[in-house]
Amino acid sequence: MAAIQCFWCLLHVLQLAIIIAAGVKVNTAAHTPAKILYKLSCAKLKPGEMQHLQLFLNRLSGAGIGLSAGGFFLVDKVFAMSIIGTYITYQLLLFQLQLDLSSSSPAPNTNATA
């Protein structure tokens, strides 16, 4: 029974890791053109092209671009690091709790029969 639970737990962690990795890739790829476009020489552009470029750069630097969960949060590197940090903190708390429980002495048996 424990093997089945372990399998499902690992499967869910793997699914979460794949979704987060895909979200980080989408977010990184969406912001890649901004780095290139900021280096672009604007002297050779027509006024209409300049306006389109500015609009595109404003959209890239404005609200987050990438996968989101219902608009509540964006799946990016910051989200991935906060999930990892939360998991590590949870595991440390479980480890400390397990140490506390194993180091405490069991209560004496006070049952008495007459």
PDB file of N, CA and C in Angstrom:
ATOM      1  N   MET A   1       0.819  -1.192   0.000  1.00  0.00           N
ATOM      2  CA  MET A   1       0.000   0.000   0.000  1.00  0.00           C
ATOM      3  C   MET A   1       0.859   1.250   0.000  1.00  0.00           C
ATOM      4  N   ALA A   2       1.946   1.223   0.760  1.00  0.00           N
ATOM      5  CA  ALA A   2       2.836   2.391   0.820  1.00  0.00           C
ATOM      6  C   ALA A   2       3.519   2.632  -0.522  1.00  0.00           C
ATOM      7  N   ALA A   3       3.798   1.568  -1.255  1.00  0.00           N
ATOM      8  CA  ALA A   3       4.442   1.712  -2.559  1.00  0.00           C
ATOM      9  C   ALA A   3       3.517   2.425  -3.540  1.00  0.00           C
ATOM     10  N   ILE A   4       2.239   2.122  -3.475  1.00  0.00           N
ATOM     11  CA  ILE A   4       1.271   2.765  -4.358  1.00  0.00           C
ATOM     12  C   ILE A   4       1.156   4.247  -4.020  1.00  0.00           C
ATOM     13  N   GLN A   5       1.106   4.563  -2.729  1.00  0.00           N
ATOM     14  CA  GLN A   5       1.030   5.964  -2.317  1.00  0.00           C
ATOM     15  C   GLN A   5       2.291   6.715  -2.722  1.00  0.00           C
ATOM     16  N   CYS A   6       3.429   6.096  -2.587  1.00  0.00           N
ATOM     17  CA  CYS A   6       4.692   6.709  -2.979  1.00  0.00           C
ATOM     18  C   CYS A   6       4.717   6.959  -4.485  1.00  0.00           C
ATOM     19  N   PHE A   7       4.220   5.992  -5.262  1.00  0.00           N
ATOM     20  CA  PHE A   7       4.155   6.139  -6.710  1.00  0.00           C
ATOM     21  C   PHE A   7       3.302   7.336  -7.095  1.00  0.00           C
ATOM     22  N   TRP A   8       2.106   7.461  -6.514  1.00  0.00           N
ATOM     23  CA  TRP A   8       1.211   8.567  -6.862  1.00  0.00           C
ATOM     24  C   TRP A   8       1.781   9.906  -6.414  1.00  0.00           C
ATOM     25  N   CYS A   9       2.436   9.909  -5.277  1.00  0.00           N
ATOM     26  CA  CYS A   9       3.059  11.139  -4.788  1.00  0.00           C
ATOM     27  C   CYS A   9       4.159  11.587  -5.750  1.00  0.00           C
ATOM     28  N   LEU A  10       5.016  10.670  -6.164  1.00  0.00           N
ATOM     29  CA  LEU A  10       6.080  10.999  -7.108  1.00  0.00           C
ATOM     30  C   LEU A  10       5.527  11.416  -8.458  1.00  0.00           C
ATOM     31  N   LEU A  11       4.432  10.792  -8.880  1.00  0.00           N
ATOM     32  CA  LEU A  11       3.807  11.157 -10.148  1.00  0.00           C
ATOM     33  C   LEU A  11       3.282  12.590 -10.102  1.00  0.00           C
ATOM     34  N   HIS A  12       2.655  12.974  -9.006  1.00  0.00           N
ATOM     35  CA  HIS A  12       2.130  14.333  -8.872  1.00  0.00           C
ATOM     36  C   HIS A  12       3.271  15.352  -8.805  1.00  0.00           C
ATOM     37  N   VAL A  13       4.349  15.029  -8.109  1.00  0.00           N
ATOM     38  CA  VAL A  13       5.506  15.924  -8.043  1.00  0.00           C
ATOM     39  C   VAL A  13       6.122  16.084  -9.430  1.00  0.00           C
ATOM     40  N   LEU A  14       6.203  14.997 -10.186  1.00  0.00           N
ATOM     41  CA  LEU A  14       6.737  15.055 -11.541  1.00  0.00           C
ATOM     42  C   LEU A  14       5.860  15.923 -12.444  1.00  0.00           C
ATOM     43  N   GLN A  15       4.543  15.770 -12.339  1.00  0.00           N
ATOM     44  CA  GLN A  15       3.636  16.602 -13.128  1.00  0.00           C
ATOM     45  C   GLN A  15       3.804  18.080 -12.793  1.00  0.00           C
ATOM     46  N   LEU A  16       3.906  18.389 -11.526  1.00  0.00           N
ATOM     47  CA  LEU A  16       4.104  19.771 -11.101  1.00  0.00           C
ATOM     48  C   LEU A  16       5.427  20.313 -11.638  1.00  0.00           C
ATOM     49  N   ALA A  17       6.480  19.500 -11.590  1.00  0.00           N
ATOM     50  CA  ALA A  17       7.787  19.929 -12.091  1.00  0.00           C
ATOM     51  C   ALA A  17       7.744  20.193 -13.597  1.00  0.00           C
ATOM     52  N   ILE A  18       7.031  19.364 -14.340  1.00  0.00           N
ATOM     53  CA  ILE A  18       6.924  19.562 -15.790  1.00  0.00           C
ATOM     54  C   ILE A  18       6.150  20.833 -16.103  1.00  0.00           C
ATOM     55  N   ILE A  19       5.078  21.086 -15.398  1.00  0.00           N
ATOM     56  CA  ILE A  19       4.284  22.296 -15.627  1.00  0.00           C
ATOM     57  C   ILE A  19       5.094  23.542 -15.293  1.00  0.00           C
ATOM     58  N   ILE A  20       5.818  23.505 -14.177  1.00  0.00           N
ATOM     59  CA  ILE A  20       6.624  24.667 -13.789  1.00  0.00           C
ATOM     60  C   ILE A  20       7.750  24.887 -14.794  1.00  0.00           C
ATOM     61  N   ALA A  21       8.400  23.819 -15.246  1.00  0.00           N
ATOM     62  CA  ALA A  21       9.486  23.955 -16.217  1.00  0.00           C
ATOM     63  C   ALA A  21       8.966  24.542 -17.531  1.00  0.00           C
ATOM     64  N   ALA A  22       7.792  24.094 -17.974  1.00  0.00           N
ATOM     65  CA  ALA A  22       7.211  24.635 -19.206  1.00  0.00           C
ATOM     66  C   ALA A  22       6.859  26.110 -19.031  1.00  0.00           C
ATOM     67  N   GLY A  23       6.316  26.461 -17.884  1.00  0.00           N
ATOM     68  CA  GLY A  23       5.967  27.855 -17.626  1.00  0.00           C
ATOM     69  C   GLY A  23       7.185  28.757 -17.596  1.00  0.00           C
ATOM     70  N   VAL A  24       8.260  28.284 -17.006  1.00  0.00           N
ATOM     71  CA  VAL A  24       9.502  29.072 -16.956  1.00  0.00           C
ATOM     72  C   VAL A  24      10.067  29.249 -18.361  1.00  0.00           C
ATOM     73  N   LYS A  25      10.011  28.193 -19.180  1.00  0.00           N
ATOM     74  CA  LYS A  25      10.502  28.292 -20.559  1.00  0.00           C
ATOM     75  C   LYS A  25       9.684  29.288 -21.370  1.00  0.00           C
ATOM     76  N   VAL A  26       8.361  29.260 -21.223  1.00  0.00           N
ATOM     77  CA  VAL A  26       7.498  30.188 -21.957  1.00  0.00           C
ATOM     78  C   VAL A  26       7.788  31.618 -21.529  1.00  0.00           C
ATOM     79  N   ASN A  27       7.906  31.845 -20.225  1.00  0.00           N
ATOM     80  CA  ASN A  27       8.167  33.188 -19.717  1.00  0.00           C
ATOM     81  C   ASN A  27       9.519  33.704 -20.203  1.00  0.00           C
ATOM     82  N   THR A  28      10.532  32.876 -20.175  1.00  0.00           N
ATOM     83  CA  THR A  28      11.862  33.282 -20.627  1.00  0.00           C
ATOM     84  C   THR A  28      11.869  33.563 -22.127  1.00  0.00           C
ATOM     85  N   ALA A  29      11.220  32.699 -22.897  1.00  0.00           N
ATOM     86  CA  ALA A  29      11.171  32.889 -24.350  1.00  0.00           C
ATOM     87  C   ALA A  29      10.373  34.136 -24.724  1.00  0.00           C
ATOM     88  N   ALA A  30       9.344  34.462 -23.966  1.00  0.00           N
ATOM     89  CA  ALA A  30       8.538  35.634 -24.269  1.00  0.00           C
ATOM     90  C   ALA A  30       9.293  36.930 -24.013  1.00  0.00           C
ATOM     91  N   HIS A  31      10.227  36.917 -23.074  1.00  0.00           N
ATOM     92  CA  HIS A  31      10.969  38.135 -22.764  1.00  0.00           C
ATOM     93  C   HIS A  31      12.299  38.243 -23.511  1.00  0.00           C
ATOM     94  N   THR A  32      12.667  37.243 -24.271  1.00  0.00           N
ATOM     95  CA  THR A  32      13.913  37.273 -25.037  1.00  0.00           C
ATOM     96  C   THR A  32      13.938  38.381 -26.090  1.00  0.00           C
ATOM     97  N   PRO A  33      12.856  38.618 -26.856  1.00  0.00           N
ATOM     98  CA  PRO A  33      12.913  39.688 -27.862  1.00  0.00           C
ATOM     99  C   PRO A  33      13.148  41.075 -27.274  1.00  0.00           C
ATOM    100  N   ALA A  34      12.742  41.305 -26.039  1.00  0.00           N
ATOM    101  CA  ALA A  34      12.911  42.629 -25.444  1.00  0.00           C
ATOM    102  C   ALA A  34      14.391  42.990 -25.347  1.00  0.00           C
ATOM    103  N   LYS A  35      15.222  42.046 -24.975  1.00  0.00           N
ATOM    104  CA  LYS A  35      16.658  42.316 -24.861  1.00  0.00           C
ATOM    105  C   LYS A  35      17.248  42.719 -26.204  1.00  0.00           C
ATOM    106  N   ILE A  36      16.793  42.074 -27.265  1.00  0.00           N
ATOM    107  CA  ILE A  36      17.303  42.365 -28.606  1.00  0.00           C
ATOM    108  C   ILE A  36      16.747  43.694 -29.110  1.00  0.00           C
ATOM    109  N   LEU A  37      15.473  43.941 -28.879  1.00  0.00           N
ATOM    110  CA  LEU A  37      14.843  45.153 -29.403  1.00  0.00           C
ATOM    111  C   LEU A  37      15.328  46.418 -28.709  1.00  0.00           C
ATOM    112  N   TYR A  38      15.731  46.315 -27.448  1.00  0.00           N
ATOM    113  CA  TYR A  38      16.264  47.493 -26.764  1.00  0.00           C
ATOM    114  C   TYR A  38      17.599  47.931 -27.367  1.00  0.00           C
ATOM    115  N   LYS A  39      18.329  47.001 -27.973  1.00  0.00           N
ATOM    116  CA  LYS A  39      19.614  47.318 -28.589  1.00  0.00           C
ATOM    117  C   LYS A  39      19.460  47.822 -30.029  1.00  0.00           C
ATOM    118  N   LEU A  40      18.253  47.759 -30.560  1.00  0.00           N
ATOM    119  CA  LEU A  40      17.988  48.122 -31.948  1.00  0.00           C
ATOM    120  C   LEU A  40      18.149  49.624 -32.149  1.00  0.00           C
ATOM    121  N   SER A  41      18.767  49.998 -33.253  1.00  0.00           N
ATOM    122  CA  SER A  41      18.922  51.415 -33.584  1.00  0.00           C
ATOM    123  C   SER A  41      17.607  51.941 -34.141  1.00  0.00           C
ATOM    124  N   CYS A  42      17.084  52.964 -33.506  1.00  0.00           N
ATOM    125  CA  CYS A  42      15.785  53.511 -33.904  1.00  0.00           C
ATOM    126  C   CYS A  42      15.908  54.604 -34.959  1.00  0.00           C
ATOM    127  N   ALA A  43      17.102  54.990 -35.326  1.00  0.00           N
ATOM    128  CA  ALA A  43      17.294  56.074 -36.300  1.00  0.00           C
ATOM    129  C   ALA A  43      16.832  55.661 -37.692  1.00  0.00           C
ATOM    130  N   LYS A  44      16.881  54.392 -38.007  1.00  0.00           N
ATOM    131  CA  LYS A  44      16.533  53.923 -39.346  1.00  0.00           C
ATOM    132  C   LYS A  44      15.048  53.589 -39.491  1.00  0.00           C
ATOM    133  N   LEU A  45      14.290  53.680 -38.415  1.00  0.00           N
ATOM    134  CA  LEU A  45      12.876  53.293 -38.450  1.00  0.00           C
ATOM    135  C   LEU A  45      11.992  54.462 -38.843  1.00  0.00           C
ATOM    136  N   LYS A  46      10.906  54.142 -39.536  1.00  0.00           N
ATOM    137  CA  LYS A  46       9.894  55.144 -39.875  1.00  0.00           C
ATOM    138  C   LYS A  46       9.064  55.426 -38.624  1.00  0.00           C
ATOM    139  N   PRO A  47       8.350  56.551 -38.576  1.00  0.00           N
ATOM    140  CA  PRO A  47       7.555  56.871 -37.377  1.00  0.00           C
ATOM    141  C   PRO A  47       6.505  55.799 -37.042  1.00  0.00           C
ATOM    142  N   GLY A  48       5.868  55.218 -38.026  1.00  0.00           N
ATOM    143  CA  GLY A  48       4.876  54.173 -37.776  1.00  0.00           C
ATOM    144  C   GLY A  48       5.514  52.912 -37.204  1.00  0.00           C
ATOM    145  N   GLU A  49       6.678  52.559 -37.748  1.00  0.00           N
ATOM    146  CA  GLU A  49       7.407  51.389 -37.233  1.00  0.00           C
ATOM    147  C   GLU A  49       7.891  51.633 -35.814  1.00  0.00           C
ATOM    148  N   MET A  50       8.312  52.872 -35.546  1.00  0.00           N
ATOM    149  CA  MET A  50       8.771  53.222 -34.205  1.00  0.00           C
ATOM    150  C   MET A  50       7.630  53.098 -33.196  1.00  0.00           C
ATOM    151  N   GLN A  51       6.450  53.518 -33.613  1.00  0.00           N
ATOM    152  CA  GLN A  51       5.281  53.429 -32.734  1.00  0.00           C
ATOM    153  C   GLN A  51       4.935  51.970 -32.438  1.00  0.00           C
ATOM    154  N   HIS A  52       4.991  51.123 -33.455  1.00  0.00           N
ATOM    155  CA  HIS A  52       4.718  49.691 -33.262  1.00  0.00           C
ATOM    156  C   HIS A  52       5.764  49.055 -32.343  1.00  0.00           C
ATOM    157  N   LEU A  53       7.029  49.447 -32.538  1.00  0.00           N
ATOM    158  CA  LEU A  53       8.102  48.921 -31.696  1.00  0.00           C
ATOM    159  C   LEU A  53       7.908  49.326 -30.236  1.00  0.00           C
ATOM    160  N   GLN A  54       7.547  50.596 -30.013  1.00  0.00           N
ATOM    161  CA  GLN A  54       7.313  51.066 -28.654  1.00  0.00           C
ATOM    162  C   GLN A  54       6.135  50.351 -28.004  1.00  0.00           C
ATOM    163  N   LEU A  55       5.070  50.139 -28.781  1.00  0.00           N
ATOM    164  CA  LEU A  55       3.907  49.424 -28.255  1.00  0.00           C
ATOM    165  C   LEU A  55       4.272  47.992 -27.874  1.00  0.00           C
ATOM    166  N   PHE A  56       5.043  47.337 -28.740  1.00  0.00           N
ATOM    167  CA  PHE A  56       5.458  45.964 -28.464  1.00  0.00           C
ATOM    168  C   PHE A  56       6.349  45.898 -27.225  1.00  0.00           C
ATOM    169  N   LEU A  57       7.292  46.829 -27.107  1.00  0.00           N
ATOM    170  CA  LEU A  57       8.172  46.854 -25.939  1.00  0.00           C
ATOM    171  C   LEU A  57       7.392  47.165 -24.662  1.00  0.00           C
ATOM    172  N   ASN A  58       6.377  48.026 -24.749  1.00  0.00           N
ATOM    173  CA  ASN A  58       5.546  48.311 -23.578  1.00  0.00           C
ATOM    174  C   ASN A  58       4.794  47.066 -23.116  1.00  0.00           C
ATOM    175  N   ARG A  59       4.319  46.284 -24.063  1.00  0.00           N
ATOM    176  CA  ARG A  59       3.611  45.049 -23.688  1.00  0.00           C
ATOM    177  C   ARG A  59       4.561  44.023 -23.086  1.00  0.00           C
ATOM    178  N   LEU A  60       5.795  43.977 -23.597  1.00  0.00           N
ATOM    179  CA  LEU A  60       6.773  43.038 -23.041  1.00  0.00           C
ATOM    180  C   LEU A  60       7.202  43.435 -21.637  1.00  0.00           C
ATOM    181  N   SER A  61       7.322  44.727 -21.389  1.00  0.00           N
ATOM    182  CA  SER A  61       7.805  45.159 -20.080  1.00  0.00           C
ATOM    183  C   SER A  61       6.673  45.429 -19.099  1.00  0.00           C
ATOM    184  N   GLY A  62       5.437  45.361 -19.549  1.00  0.00           N
ATOM    185  CA  GLY A  62       4.298  45.617 -18.679  1.00  0.00           C
ATOM    186  C   GLY A  62       3.934  44.397 -17.854  1.00  0.00           C
ATOM    187  N   ALA A  63       2.685  44.008 -17.933  1.00  0.00           N
ATOM    188  CA  ALA A  63       2.191  42.855 -17.173  1.00  0.00           C
ATOM    189  C   ALA A  63       2.928  41.591 -17.593  1.00  0.00           C
ATOM    190  N   GLY A  64       2.978  40.638 -16.685  1.00  0.00           N
ATOM    191  CA  GLY A  64       3.715  39.410 -16.932  1.00  0.00           C
ATOM    192  C   GLY A  64       3.195  38.640 -18.131  1.00  0.00           C
ATOM    193  N   ILE A  65       4.107  38.038 -18.847  1.00  0.00           N
ATOM    194  CA  ILE A  65       3.774  37.231 -20.017  1.00  0.00           C
ATOM    195  C   ILE A  65       4.153  35.794 -19.708  1.00  0.00           C
ATOM    196  N   GLY A  66       3.266  34.877 -19.982  1.00  0.00           N
ATOM    197  CA  GLY A  66       3.560  33.469 -19.765  1.00  0.00           C
ATOM    198  C   GLY A  66       2.337  32.729 -19.276  1.00  0.00           C
ATOM    199  N   LEU A  67       2.565  31.541 -18.771  1.00  0.00           N
ATOM    200  CA  LEU A  67       1.476  30.726 -18.245  1.00  0.00           C
ATOM    201  C   LEU A  67       1.036  31.267 -16.889  1.00  0.00           C
ATOM    202  N   SER A  68      -0.260  31.349 -16.705  1.00  0.00           N
ATOM    203  CA  SER A  68      -0.772  31.772 -15.400  1.00  0.00           C
ATOM    204  C   SER A  68      -1.840  30.784 -14.956  1.00  0.00           C
ATOM    205  N   ALA A  69      -2.068  30.768 -13.680  1.00  0.00           N
ATOM    206  CA  ALA A  69      -3.077  29.885 -13.108  1.00  0.00           C
ATOM    207  C   ALA A  69      -4.328  30.712 -12.827  1.00  0.00           C
ATOM    208  N   GLY A  70      -5.167  30.819 -13.823  1.00  0.00           N
ATOM    209  CA  GLY A  70      -6.420  31.556 -13.676  1.00  0.00           C
ATOM    210  C   GLY A  70      -6.210  33.044 -13.442  1.00  0.00           C
ATOM    211  N   GLY A  71      -5.054  33.562 -13.801  1.00  0.00           N
ATOM    212  CA  GLY A  71      -4.756  34.959 -13.584  1.00  0.00           C
ATOM    213  C   GLY A  71      -4.315  35.285 -12.163  1.00  0.00           C
ATOM    214  N   PHE A  72      -4.212  34.285 -11.302  1.00  0.00           N
ATOM    215  CA  PHE A  72      -3.822  34.525  -9.915  1.00  0.00           C
ATOM    216  C   PHE A  72      -2.310  34.731  -9.774  1.00  0.00           C
ATOM    217  N   PHE A  73      -1.527  33.938 -10.475  1.00  0.00           N
ATOM    218  CA  PHE A  73      -0.081  34.082 -10.416  1.00  0.00           C
ATOM    219  C   PHE A  73       0.510  33.614 -11.729  1.00  0.00           C
ATOM    220  N   LEU A  74       1.689  34.111 -12.000  1.00  0.00           N
ATOM    221  CA  LEU A  74       2.407  33.783 -13.223  1.00  0.00           C
ATOM    222  C   LEU A  74       3.438  32.707 -12.923  1.00  0.00           C
ATOM    223  N   VAL A  75       3.506  31.706 -13.779  1.00  0.00           N
ATOM    224  CA  VAL A  75       4.479  30.631 -13.599  1.00  0.00           C
ATOM    225  C   VAL A  75       5.789  31.096 -14.246  1.00  0.00           C
ATOM    226  N   ASP A  76       6.712  31.557 -13.402  1.00  0.00           N
ATOM    227  CA  ASP A  76       8.010  32.033 -13.868  1.00  0.00           C
ATOM    228  C   ASP A  76       9.087  31.562 -12.907  1.00  0.00           C
ATOM    229  N   LYS A  77      10.288  32.097 -13.042  1.00  0.00           N
ATOM    230  CA  LYS A  77      11.394  31.651 -12.193  1.00  0.00           C
ATOM    231  C   LYS A  77      11.132  31.971 -10.721  1.00  0.00           C
ATOM    232  N   VAL A  78      10.517  33.114 -10.457  1.00  0.00           N
ATOM    233  CA  VAL A  78      10.220  33.493  -9.071  1.00  0.00           C
ATOM    234  C   VAL A  78       9.248  32.490  -8.450  1.00  0.00           C
ATOM    235  N   PHE A  79       8.237  32.103  -9.195  1.00  0.00           N
ATOM    236  CA  PHE A  79       7.269  31.121  -8.706  1.00  0.00           C
ATOM    237  C   PHE A  79       7.948  29.777  -8.457  1.00  0.00           C
ATOM    238  N   ALA A  80       8.814  29.367  -9.390  1.00  0.00           N
ATOM    239  CA  ALA A  80       9.509  28.081  -9.225  1.00  0.00           C
ATOM    240  C   ALA A  80      10.365  28.088  -7.964  1.00  0.00           C
ATOM    241  N   MET A  81      11.077  29.178  -7.724  1.00  0.00           N
ATOM    242  CA  MET A  81      11.925  29.252  -6.531  1.00  0.00           C
ATOM    243  C   MET A  81      11.089  29.284  -5.254  1.00  0.00           C
ATOM    244  N   SER A  82       9.933  29.937  -5.285  1.00  0.00           N
ATOM    245  CA  SER A  82       9.093  29.967  -4.080  1.00  0.00           C
ATOM    246  C   SER A  82       8.486  28.597  -3.802  1.00  0.00           C
ATOM    247  N   ILE A  83       8.150  27.835  -4.836  1.00  0.00           N
ATOM    248  CA  ILE A  83       7.643  26.470  -4.640  1.00  0.00           C
ATOM    249  C   ILE A  83       8.745  25.592  -4.046  1.00  0.00           C
ATOM    250  N   ILE A  84       9.959  25.706  -4.563  1.00  0.00           N
ATOM    251  CA  ILE A  84      11.081  24.916  -4.040  1.00  0.00           C
ATOM    252  C   ILE A  84      11.358  25.299  -2.591  1.00  0.00           C
ATOM    253  N   GLY A  85      11.347  26.591  -2.295  1.00  0.00           N
ATOM    254  CA  GLY A  85      11.569  27.049  -0.924  1.00  0.00           C
ATOM    255  C   GLY A  85      10.501  26.568   0.032  1.00  0.00           C
ATOM    256  N   THR A  86       9.250  26.583  -0.420  1.00  0.00           N
ATOM    257  CA  THR A  86       8.159  26.095   0.409  1.00  0.00           C
ATOM    258  C   THR A  86       8.305  24.606   0.685  1.00  0.00           C
ATOM    259  N   TYR A  87       8.684  23.844  -0.323  1.00  0.00           N
ATOM    260  CA  TYR A  87       8.867  22.404  -0.159  1.00  0.00           C
ATOM    261  C   TYR A  87      10.003  22.102   0.812  1.00  0.00           C
ATOM    262  N   ILE A  88      11.121  22.814   0.667  1.00  0.00           N
ATOM    263  CA  ILE A  88      12.261  22.585   1.569  1.00  0.00           C
ATOM    264  C   ILE A  88      11.886  22.938   3.005  1.00  0.00           C
ATOM    265  N   THR A  89      11.179  24.051   3.192  1.00  0.00           N
ATOM    266  CA  THR A  89      10.754  24.438   4.535  1.00  0.00           C
ATOM    267  C   THR A  89       9.830  23.385   5.142  1.00  0.00           C
ATOM    268  N   TYR A  90       8.903  22.875   4.347  1.00  0.00           N
ATOM    269  CA  TYR A  90       7.980  21.839   4.813  1.00  0.00           C
ATOM    270  C   TYR A  90       8.738  20.582   5.234  1.00  0.00           C
ATOM    271  N   GLN A  91       9.718  20.175   4.419  1.00  0.00           N
ATOM    272  CA  GLN A  91      10.493  18.981   4.745  1.00  0.00           C
ATOM    273  C   GLN A  91      11.322  19.190   6.009  1.00  0.00           C
ATOM    274  N   LEU A  92      11.892  20.373   6.183  1.00  0.00           N
ATOM    275  CA  LEU A  92      12.661  20.650   7.399  1.00  0.00           C
ATOM    276  C   LEU A  92      11.774  20.612   8.639  1.00  0.00           C
ATOM    277  N   LEU A  93      10.573  21.152   8.530  1.00  0.00           N
ATOM    278  CA  LEU A  93       9.648  21.103   9.660  1.00  0.00           C
ATOM    279  C   LEU A  93       9.250  19.669   9.995  1.00  0.00           C
ATOM    280  N   LEU A  94       8.996  18.874   8.983  1.00  0.00           N
ATOM    281  CA  LEU A  94       8.672  17.457   9.232  1.00  0.00           C
ATOM    282  C   LEU A  94       9.850  16.731   9.866  1.00  0.00           C
ATOM    283  N   PHE A  95      11.049  17.023   9.404  1.00  0.00           N
ATOM    284  CA  PHE A  95      12.241  16.392   9.962  1.00  0.00           C
ATOM    285  C   PHE A  95      12.417  16.784  11.426  1.00  0.00           C
ATOM    286  N   GLN A  96      12.229  18.060  11.753  1.00  0.00           N
ATOM    287  CA  GLN A  96      12.358  18.501  13.138  1.00  0.00           C
ATOM    288  C   GLN A  96      11.279  17.889  14.018  1.00  0.00           C
ATOM    289  N   LEU A  97      10.076  17.791  13.490  1.00  0.00           N
ATOM    290  CA  LEU A  97       8.984  17.190  14.254  1.00  0.00           C
ATOM    291  C   LEU A  97       9.271  15.715  14.513  1.00  0.00           C
ATOM    292  N   GLN A  98       9.812  15.033  13.529  1.00  0.00           N
ATOM    293  CA  GLN A  98      10.138  13.621  13.695  1.00  0.00           C
ATOM    294  C   GLN A  98      11.236  13.455  14.738  1.00  0.00           C
ATOM    295  N   LEU A  99      12.225  14.344  14.755  1.00  0.00           N
ATOM    296  CA  LEU A  99      13.275  14.267  15.766  1.00  0.00           C
ATOM    297  C   LEU A  99      12.704  14.515  17.160  1.00  0.00           C
ATOM    298  N   ASP A 100      11.791  15.477  17.286  1.00  0.00           N
ATOM    299  CA  ASP A 100      11.186  15.767  18.579  1.00  0.00           C
ATOM    300  C   ASP A 100      10.376  14.584  19.095  1.00  0.00           C
ATOM    301  N   LEU A 101       9.655  13.929  18.204  1.00  0.00           N
ATOM    302  CA  LEU A 101       8.826  12.802  18.629  1.00  0.00           C
ATOM    303  C   LEU A 101       9.676  11.591  19.006  1.00  0.00           C
ATOM    304  N   SER A 102      10.778  11.383  18.301  1.00  0.00           N
ATOM    305  CA  SER A 102      11.600  10.209  18.594  1.00  0.00           C
ATOM    306  C   SER A 102      12.461  10.407  19.840  1.00  0.00           C
ATOM    307  N   SER A 103      12.789  11.651  20.177  1.00  0.00           N
ATOM    308  CA  SER A 103      13.640  11.885  21.343  1.00  0.00           C
ATOM    309  C   SER A 103      12.856  11.945  22.649  1.00  0.00           C
ATOM    310  N   SER A 104      11.557  12.183  22.571  1.00  0.00           N
ATOM    311  CA  SER A 104      10.773  12.246  23.813  1.00  0.00           C
ATOM    312  C   SER A 104      10.521  10.830  24.325  1.00  0.00           C
ATOM    313  N   SER A 105      10.576  10.683  25.642  1.00  0.00           N
ATOM    314  CA  SER A 105      10.371   9.363  26.230  1.00  0.00           C
ATOM    315  C   SER A 105       8.879   9.064  26.293  1.00  0.00           C
ATOM    316  N   PRO A 106       8.520   7.829  26.108  1.00  0.00           N
ATOM    317  CA  PRO A 106       7.094   7.484  26.148  1.00  0.00           C
ATOM    318  C   PRO A 106       6.529   7.657  27.568  1.00  0.00           C
ATOM    319  N   ALA A 107       5.275   7.991  27.625  1.00  0.00           N
ATOM    320  CA  ALA A 107       4.619   8.176  28.924  1.00  0.00           C
ATOM    321  C   ALA A 107       4.485   6.827  29.616  1.00  0.00           C
ATOM    322  N   PRO A 108       4.661   6.793  30.924  1.00  0.00           N
ATOM    323  CA  PRO A 108       4.520   5.507  31.630  1.00  0.00           C
ATOM    324  C   PRO A 108       3.083   5.017  31.552  1.00  0.00           C
ATOM    325  N   ASN A 109       2.946   3.707  31.536  1.00  0.00           N
ATOM    326  CA  ASN A 109       1.628   3.084  31.467  1.00  0.00           C
ATOM    327  C   ASN A 109       0.976   3.179  32.850  1.00  0.00           C
ATOM    328  N   THR A 110      -0.127   3.864  32.946  1.00  0.00           N
ATOM    329  CA  THR A 110      -0.783   4.060  34.246  1.00  0.00           C
ATOM    330  C   THR A 110      -2.043   3.203  34.382  1.00  0.00           C
ATOM    331  N   ASN A 111      -2.262   2.308  33.435  1.00  0.00           N
ATOM    332  CA  ASN A 111      -3.430   1.440  33.550  1.00  0.00           C
ATOM    333  C   ASN A 111      -3.223   0.443  34.695  1.00  0.00           C
ATOM    334  N   ALA A 112      -4.233   0.285  35.496  1.00  0.00           N
ATOM    335  CA  ALA A 112      -4.154  -0.684  36.600  1.00  0.00           C
ATOM    336  C   ALA A 112      -5.423  -1.515  36.602  1.00  0.00           C
ATOM    337  N   THR A 113      -5.234  -2.756  36.817  1.00  0.00           N
ATOM    338  CA  THR A 113      -6.402  -3.652  36.921  1.00  0.00           C
ATOM    339  C   THR A 113      -6.463  -4.226  38.320  1.00  0.00           C
ATOM    340  N   ALA A 114      -7.662  -4.405  38.808  1.00  0.00           N
ATOM    341  CA  ALA A 114      -7.818  -4.939  40.159  1.00  0.00           C
ATOM    342  C   ALA A 114      -8.326  -6.348  40.110  1.00  0.00           C
TER     343      ALA A 114
END
